[in-house]
Protein backbone atom coordinates (compact mmCIF):
# COMPACT_ATOMS: atom_id res chain seq x y z
CA MET A 1 -25.28 14.01 2.54
CA SER A 2 -23.00 13.46 -0.43
CA ASP A 3 -21.81 10.04 -1.57
CA ASP A 4 -18.26 11.05 -0.60
CA ALA A 5 -19.35 11.82 2.95
CA ARG A 6 -21.23 8.54 3.15
CA PHE A 7 -18.60 6.22 1.73
CA GLY A 8 -15.39 7.92 2.72
CA LEU A 9 -12.68 10.18 1.42
CA LEU A 10 -9.20 8.72 0.99
CA ARG A 11 -6.60 11.30 1.88
CA HIS A 12 -2.90 11.75 2.52
CA VAL A 13 -1.16 14.51 4.44
CA ARG A 14 2.51 15.32 4.86
CA LEU A 15 2.99 17.07 8.19
CA PRO A 16 6.29 18.84 8.90
CA GLY A 17 6.81 17.42 12.37
CA PRO A 18 9.13 16.69 13.94
CA LEU A 19 7.52 13.91 15.93
CA ARG A 20 9.63 12.86 18.90
CA LEU A 21 9.47 9.09 19.27
CA ASP A 22 9.75 7.05 22.46
CA GLY A 23 13.06 5.66 21.21
CA GLY A 24 14.52 9.16 21.11
CA ALA A 25 14.51 9.73 17.35
CA LEU A 26 12.80 12.64 15.62
CA LEU A 27 10.59 11.72 12.66
CA SER A 28 10.18 14.44 10.05
CA PRO A 29 8.17 14.81 7.96
CA VAL A 30 5.25 12.69 9.19
CA GLU A 31 3.17 11.22 6.40
CA ILE A 32 -0.30 9.96 7.27
CA ALA A 33 -2.76 8.23 4.97
CA TYR A 34 -6.31 8.33 6.26
CA GLU A 35 -9.99 8.16 5.44
CA THR A 36 -12.88 10.22 6.76
CA TYR A 37 -16.61 9.56 6.65
CA GLY A 38 -19.37 12.00 7.49
CA THR A 39 -19.02 15.64 8.50
CA LEU A 40 -17.66 17.34 11.60
CA ASP A 41 -20.53 19.17 13.29
CA PRO A 42 -20.30 22.92 14.02
CA GLN A 43 -19.44 22.23 17.67
CA GLY A 44 -16.69 19.79 16.70
CA SER A 45 -18.26 17.26 19.05
CA ASN A 46 -19.05 14.22 16.90
CA ALA A 47 -15.59 12.96 15.84
CA ILE A 48 -14.84 9.27 16.32
CA LEU A 49 -11.36 7.90 15.73
CA ILE A 50 -11.14 4.25 14.72
CA CYS A 51 -7.79 2.55 15.33
CA HIS A 52 -6.91 -0.47 13.23
CA ALA A 53 -5.32 -3.75 14.24
CA LEU A 54 -1.82 -4.97 13.46
CA THR A 55 -2.21 -5.71 9.75
CA GLY A 56 -5.19 -3.42 9.18
CA ASP A 57 -5.33 -0.08 7.42
CA GLN A 58 -7.36 3.06 6.96
CA HIS A 59 -9.93 1.40 4.68
CA VAL A 60 -12.32 0.69 7.53
CA ALA A 61 -15.57 0.99 5.58
CA SER A 62 -14.57 1.41 1.95
CA VAL A 63 -13.22 -0.90 -0.72
CA HIS A 64 -9.55 -1.78 -0.33
CA PRO A 65 -7.66 -0.43 -3.37
CA ARG A 66 -5.30 -3.42 -3.60
CA THR A 67 -7.58 -6.35 -2.84
CA GLY A 68 -10.93 -5.00 -4.00
CA LYS A 69 -12.50 -6.33 -0.81
CA PRO A 70 -14.94 -4.35 1.38
CA GLY A 71 -13.63 -2.39 4.34
CA TRP A 72 -12.50 -4.45 7.31
CA TRP A 73 -15.16 -3.17 9.75
CA THR A 74 -18.24 -2.59 7.61
CA ARG A 75 -20.20 -4.63 10.15
CA LEU A 76 -19.70 -1.81 12.68
CA VAL A 77 -19.15 1.29 10.55
CA GLY A 78 -21.57 2.66 7.98
CA PRO A 79 -25.09 4.04 7.52
CA GLY A 80 -27.41 2.46 10.08
CA ARG A 81 -24.47 0.96 11.99
CA PRO A 82 -23.36 1.89 15.52
CA ILE A 83 -20.70 4.20 14.07
CA ASP A 84 -22.68 6.04 11.43
CA PRO A 85 -21.49 8.77 9.02
CA THR A 86 -24.93 10.38 9.22
CA ARG A 87 -24.25 11.08 12.91
CA HIS A 88 -20.49 10.93 13.31
CA PHE A 89 -17.37 12.36 11.71
CA ILE A 90 -15.34 9.16 11.40
CA ILE A 91 -11.56 9.15 11.04
CA CYS A 92 -9.34 6.13 10.45
CA SER A 93 -5.62 6.53 9.73
CA ASN A 94 -2.94 4.09 8.72
CA VAL A 95 -0.53 3.84 11.66
CA ILE A 96 3.04 5.04 11.21
CA GLY A 97 5.31 2.08 10.54
CA SER A 98 2.72 0.50 8.27
CA CYS A 99 2.64 0.29 4.49
CA MET A 100 -0.57 1.87 3.21
CA GLY A 101 0.71 5.42 2.83
CA SER A 102 1.83 6.51 6.29
CA SER A 103 5.49 6.98 7.22
CA GLY A 104 7.16 3.60 7.43
CA PRO A 105 10.04 1.49 6.12
CA ALA A 106 8.71 1.58 2.53
CA THR A 107 8.31 5.38 2.37
CA ILE A 108 11.05 7.71 1.21
CA ASN A 109 13.67 8.95 3.65
CA PRO A 110 14.17 12.61 2.62
CA ALA A 111 17.81 12.43 3.72
CA THR A 112 18.63 9.70 1.18
CA ASN A 113 15.79 9.96 -1.35
CA ALA A 114 15.44 6.18 -1.01
CA PRO A 115 13.12 3.96 1.02
CA TRP A 116 13.87 3.98 4.74
CA GLY A 117 14.12 0.21 5.01
CA MET A 118 15.57 -0.83 8.35
CA SER A 119 16.90 2.67 9.01
CA PHE A 120 13.35 3.70 9.88
CA PRO A 121 13.24 4.34 13.64
CA VAL A 122 11.63 1.76 15.89
CA ILE A 123 8.19 2.94 17.02
CA THR A 124 5.73 2.26 19.83
CA ILE A 125 1.96 2.26 20.21
CA ARG A 126 2.24 5.63 21.92
CA ASP A 127 4.17 6.97 18.91
CA MET A 128 1.29 5.85 16.68
CA VAL A 129 -1.12 7.75 18.92
CA ARG A 130 1.02 10.90 18.88
CA ALA A 131 1.00 10.79 15.07
CA GLN A 132 -2.79 10.46 15.11
CA ALA A 133 -2.95 13.51 17.37
CA LEU A 134 -0.99 15.46 14.75
CA LEU A 135 -3.56 14.38 12.18
CA LEU A 136 -6.45 15.51 14.39
CA ASP A 137 -4.75 18.88 14.84
CA HIS A 138 -4.54 19.12 11.05
CA LEU A 139 -8.24 18.27 10.74
CA GLY A 140 -9.25 20.78 13.41
CA VAL A 141 -10.54 18.12 15.81
CA GLY A 142 -9.81 19.26 19.35
CA GLN A 143 -11.64 16.50 21.20
CA LEU A 144 -12.93 13.08 20.25
CA GLN A 145 -16.42 11.89 21.07
CA ALA A 146 -14.85 8.44 21.16
CA VAL A 147 -11.83 6.42 20.15
CA VAL A 148 -12.63 2.84 19.16
CA GLY A 149 -10.38 -0.10 18.39
CA GLY A 150 -9.92 -3.84 18.60
CA SER A 151 -6.73 -5.81 19.24
CA MET A 152 -3.80 -3.45 18.50
CA GLY A 153 -6.48 -0.83 17.83
CA GLY A 154 -7.67 -1.33 21.40
CA MET A 155 -4.13 -0.72 22.63
CA GLN A 156 -4.14 2.58 20.78
CA ALA A 157 -7.54 3.46 22.24
CA LEU A 158 -6.27 2.86 25.78
CA SER A 159 -3.09 4.78 25.02
CA TRP A 160 -5.16 7.72 23.78
CA ALA A 161 -6.87 8.03 27.17
CA ALA A 162 -3.52 7.85 28.94
CA THR A 163 -1.53 10.11 26.60
CA PHE A 164 -4.14 12.75 25.75
CA PRO A 165 -6.70 12.47 28.59
CA GLU A 166 -8.28 15.84 27.83
CA ARG A 167 -8.95 14.97 24.19
CA VAL A 168 -11.12 11.85 24.63
CA ARG A 169 -14.65 11.62 26.02
CA ALA A 170 -15.17 7.88 25.54
CA VAL A 171 -13.06 4.80 24.82
CA VAL A 172 -14.15 1.47 23.34
CA ALA A 173 -11.45 -1.19 23.76
CA ILE A 174 -12.27 -4.58 22.23
CA ALA A 175 -10.40 -7.90 22.42
CA THR A 176 -7.26 -6.22 23.66
CA THR A 177 -4.73 -6.01 26.48
CA ALA A 178 -2.74 -3.43 28.42
CA ARG A 179 0.54 -5.31 27.94
CA HIS A 180 2.00 -7.97 25.70
CA THR A 181 2.83 -11.21 27.48
CA ALA A 182 5.86 -13.43 26.99
CA GLN A 183 3.73 -15.85 24.94
CA ASN A 184 2.51 -13.01 22.70
CA ILE A 185 6.08 -11.82 22.17
CA ALA A 186 7.19 -15.38 21.40
CA PHE A 187 4.69 -15.78 18.57
CA HIS A 188 5.76 -12.45 17.07
CA GLU A 189 9.43 -13.41 17.27
CA VAL A 190 8.74 -16.59 15.29
CA GLY A 191 7.20 -14.44 12.58
CA ARG A 192 10.03 -11.93 12.55
CA GLN A 193 12.63 -14.67 12.31
CA ALA A 194 10.74 -16.24 9.41
CA VAL A 195 10.92 -12.92 7.54
CA MET A 196 14.58 -12.30 8.32
CA ALA A 197 15.56 -15.87 7.42
CA ASP A 198 14.19 -15.42 3.90
CA PRO A 199 17.23 -14.75 1.65
CA ARG A 200 15.14 -12.25 -0.29
CA TRP A 201 14.86 -10.03 2.80
CA ARG A 202 18.40 -8.72 2.11
CA GLY A 203 18.67 -7.03 5.50
CA GLY A 204 15.50 -5.09 4.71
CA ASP A 205 16.93 -3.58 1.51
CA TYR A 206 14.70 -5.35 -1.02
CA TYR A 207 12.61 -2.50 -2.42
CA GLY A 208 14.67 -1.97 -5.55
CA HIS A 209 14.70 -5.66 -6.47
CA ASP A 210 10.97 -6.26 -7.08
CA ASP A 211 11.52 -9.54 -5.26
CA PRO A 212 10.33 -9.19 -1.63
CA PRO A 213 10.71 -11.89 1.04
CA ALA A 214 7.28 -13.29 0.29
CA ALA A 215 7.93 -16.81 1.57
CA GLY A 216 9.12 -15.61 4.98
CA LEU A 217 6.26 -13.15 5.35
CA ALA A 218 3.73 -15.82 4.38
CA VAL A 219 5.03 -18.14 7.10
CA ALA A 220 4.90 -15.28 9.60
CA ARG A 221 1.28 -14.65 8.70
CA MET A 222 0.42 -18.34 8.99
CA ALA A 223 1.86 -18.53 12.48
CA ALA A 224 0.10 -15.35 13.59
CA HIS A 225 -3.21 -16.34 12.04
CA ILE A 226 -3.40 -19.42 14.26
CA THR A 227 -3.48 -17.12 17.29
CA TYR A 228 -6.47 -15.23 15.89
CA LEU A 229 -8.64 -18.36 15.82
CA SER A 230 -9.98 -20.75 18.45
CA GLU A 231 -9.49 -24.49 18.73
CA ALA A 232 -13.25 -25.00 18.70
CA GLY A 233 -13.61 -22.87 15.60
CA LEU A 234 -10.83 -24.69 13.77
CA THR A 235 -12.25 -28.06 14.74
CA GLU A 236 -15.75 -27.09 13.64
CA LYS A 237 -14.60 -25.66 10.31
CA PHE A 238 -11.84 -28.10 9.38
CA GLY A 239 -11.40 -30.92 11.88
CA ARG A 240 -9.07 -33.45 10.29
CA LYS A 241 -10.76 -33.29 6.88
CA LEU A 242 -8.51 -33.85 3.90
CA GLN A 243 -8.06 -31.26 1.15
CA ALA A 244 -9.39 -32.43 -2.23
CA ARG A 245 -8.24 -36.02 -1.83
CA GLU A 246 -9.54 -39.33 -0.57
CA ALA A 247 -6.43 -40.46 1.30
CA LYS A 248 -3.26 -39.05 2.82
CA SER A 249 -0.48 -38.44 0.31
CA PHE A 250 2.34 -39.60 2.59
CA GLY A 251 4.19 -36.47 1.52
CA PHE A 252 4.36 -32.83 2.53
CA ASP A 253 1.71 -31.28 0.35
CA ALA A 254 -1.33 -29.77 2.07
CA ASP A 255 -3.09 -33.01 2.98
CA PHE A 256 -5.43 -31.34 5.48
CA GLN A 257 -7.92 -28.57 4.79
CA VAL A 258 -6.52 -26.51 7.66
CA GLU A 259 -3.07 -26.62 6.04
CA SER A 260 -4.48 -25.38 2.75
CA TYR A 261 -6.37 -22.63 4.55
CA LEU A 262 -3.27 -21.36 6.31
CA ARG A 263 -1.24 -21.41 3.11
CA HIS A 264 -3.94 -19.36 1.41
CA GLN A 265 -3.88 -16.86 4.27
CA GLY A 266 -0.11 -16.51 3.95
CA ILE A 267 -0.08 -16.11 0.17
CA SER A 268 -2.92 -13.57 0.10
CA PHE A 269 -1.29 -11.53 2.86
CA VAL A 270 1.95 -10.88 0.99
CA ASP A 271 -0.01 -9.23 -1.82
CA ARG A 272 -1.08 -6.39 0.46
CA PHE A 273 1.55 -6.04 3.18
CA ASP A 274 5.20 -5.10 3.49
CA ALA A 275 7.62 -7.42 5.27
CA ASN A 276 9.60 -4.66 6.98
CA SER A 277 6.38 -3.06 8.22
CA TYR A 278 5.47 -6.41 9.76
CA LEU A 279 8.73 -6.35 11.72
CA TYR A 280 8.19 -2.80 12.95
CA ILE A 281 4.56 -3.12 13.95
CA THR A 282 4.97 -6.42 15.77
CA ARG A 283 7.86 -4.87 17.68
CA ALA A 284 5.69 -1.89 18.63
CA VAL A 285 3.02 -4.25 19.96
CA ASP A 286 5.61 -6.28 21.88
CA TYR A 287 6.88 -3.11 23.56
CA PHE A 288 3.38 -2.14 24.68
CA ASP A 289 3.05 -2.07 28.46
CA LEU A 290 0.76 0.71 29.62
CA ALA A 291 1.57 0.19 33.29
CA GLU A 292 5.31 0.42 32.63
CA GLU A 293 4.75 3.80 30.97
CA HIS A 294 3.10 5.07 34.17
CA GLY A 295 5.31 4.05 37.04
CA GLY A 296 4.44 0.37 36.95
CA LEU A 297 0.82 0.85 38.01
CA LEU A 298 -1.86 0.42 35.35
CA ALA A 299 -4.35 2.54 37.27
CA GLY A 300 -1.86 5.38 37.02
CA ALA A 301 -2.37 5.46 33.26
CA PHE A 302 -5.99 6.51 33.77
CA ARG A 303 -5.70 8.94 36.70
CA GLN A 304 -6.03 12.04 34.53
CA THR A 305 -8.80 10.98 32.17
CA ARG A 306 -12.50 11.63 32.64
CA ALA A 307 -13.47 9.46 29.70
CA ARG A 308 -16.07 6.71 29.90
CA PHE A 309 -14.83 3.26 28.96
CA CYS A 310 -16.44 0.24 27.34
CA VAL A 311 -14.32 -2.92 27.46
CA VAL A 312 -15.36 -5.98 25.44
CA SER A 313 -13.80 -9.44 25.41
CA PHE A 314 -14.67 -12.79 23.81
CA ASP A 315 -14.73 -16.08 25.65
CA THR A 316 -12.73 -18.03 23.04
CA ASP A 317 -10.02 -15.39 22.56
CA TRP A 318 -6.81 -16.95 23.87
CA LEU A 319 -4.53 -14.30 22.36
CA TYR A 320 -5.96 -11.53 24.55
CA PRO A 321 -8.22 -13.48 26.90
CA THR A 322 -10.94 -12.12 29.14
CA ALA A 323 -8.52 -12.06 32.06
CA ALA A 324 -6.57 -9.31 30.25
CA SER A 325 -9.74 -7.25 29.87
CA ARG A 326 -10.63 -7.78 33.52
CA GLY A 327 -7.22 -6.43 34.46
CA ILE A 328 -7.96 -3.27 32.48
CA VAL A 329 -11.36 -2.94 34.15
CA GLN A 330 -9.85 -3.35 37.62
CA ALA A 331 -7.31 -0.63 36.88
CA LEU A 332 -10.05 1.69 35.61
CA ASN A 333 -12.08 1.05 38.75
CA ALA A 334 -9.03 1.82 40.88
CA ALA A 335 -8.57 5.07 38.95
CA GLY A 336 -12.22 6.03 39.53
CA SER A 337 -13.12 5.86 35.84
CA ALA A 338 -16.61 5.07 34.57
CA VAL A 339 -16.36 1.66 32.89
CA SER A 340 -18.71 -0.97 31.55
CA PHE A 341 -17.47 -4.45 30.71
CA VAL A 342 -18.92 -7.42 28.87
CA GLU A 343 -17.59 -10.80 27.86
CA LEU A 344 -19.32 -12.05 24.72
CA SER A 345 -19.63 -15.64 23.56
CA SER A 346 -18.26 -16.50 20.11
CA PRO A 347 -16.70 -19.56 18.46
CA TYR A 348 -14.33 -17.42 16.41
CA GLY A 349 -11.57 -16.62 18.91
CA HIS A 350 -9.70 -13.33 18.71
CA ASP A 351 -11.02 -12.50 15.24
CA ALA A 352 -14.58 -12.39 16.58
CA PHE A 353 -14.48 -8.60 16.77
CA LEU A 354 -14.06 -8.42 12.97
CA LEU A 355 -16.79 -10.94 12.18
CA GLU A 356 -20.55 -10.91 12.50
CA ALA A 357 -21.12 -9.95 16.13
CA PRO A 358 -24.60 -8.47 16.66
CA GLU A 359 -24.18 -8.50 20.45
CA MET A 360 -21.01 -6.43 20.15
CA ASN A 361 -22.78 -3.97 17.87
CA ARG A 362 -25.62 -3.58 20.37
CA VAL A 363 -23.18 -2.98 23.22
CA ILE A 364 -21.22 -0.35 21.30
CA ASP A 365 -24.31 1.35 19.91
CA GLY A 366 -25.84 1.64 23.38
CA PHE A 367 -22.58 2.89 24.88
CA LEU A 368 -22.07 5.60 22.26
CA ARG A 369 -25.69 6.77 22.42
CA ALA A 370 -25.60 6.96 26.23
CA GLU A 371 -23.17 9.87 26.27
CA PRO A 372 -24.25 12.36 28.96
């Protein structure tokens, strides 16, 4: 196997479309940035689609070109890992609406020859999945061995089984939910308002100014990042420890280590992400309600699929708690689908699926290898 096949090929395709979106708009052309690892077998039977989370990207197992950091899921994807380019043809695409090369607010609107900005159409999770299906058509992949994702990636994985039931043989949905709750929407709205309150946002028309709404986006990231962690994890890591000082400053600098940590998360985020994309993707997640798309009954979303499902939750995840996963499992049981479910213990909260999780790896490896 060549080094390219082992470590990934970064690619970009401009598909003519049009792609009809849930909101009624037609998107054309459809640009998709993606990476592939491994080789499609002669039967076309070993393709695995990995779906990224809200602020993720296609660089699942290769170095990120902007940050220089390793891929975001190298613990799961790579030689000797459960998803292995020596056995699988692995595909990961940047979702539409994002900012790493796929069609989104920062890409060029062919009608104006300028960035779309806020004239880009509002999208949904199902729209992201339809765009991925166009990519698979382009790659000659008729059916997926599996679609795998955590968080927003898990929403896409579930939507794949509901939208294209004949194209998926297995689904791995990790730390996810079938619908966004009022609390989830509330946290996202705080972030969106922080972005839009930044005077540098300029109604979304900031691309020509080289002066993006970094402060607002950083605050949005700080607020969201809290939801990815657990209280126990924060207490263990930071507690009430002070940041590089012996006593409180009696001011508004970052007295506490946890404050400094969140500020760092916000500042580092704005170096790699687009503020308008943050608005669009959080809105897509807020709109996600798989039952609503199928007559109000979640089981109805899975009536047509014959895929096997593996659902994984974490006991300290309060963003998408185990109860949300159990609701998915109950709907799958009602639909007569084959499903396995496990709740794993971790101190890391929602982000556990991205961190060292050997139990999760064993579960996924066993599930993928058990294909009939």
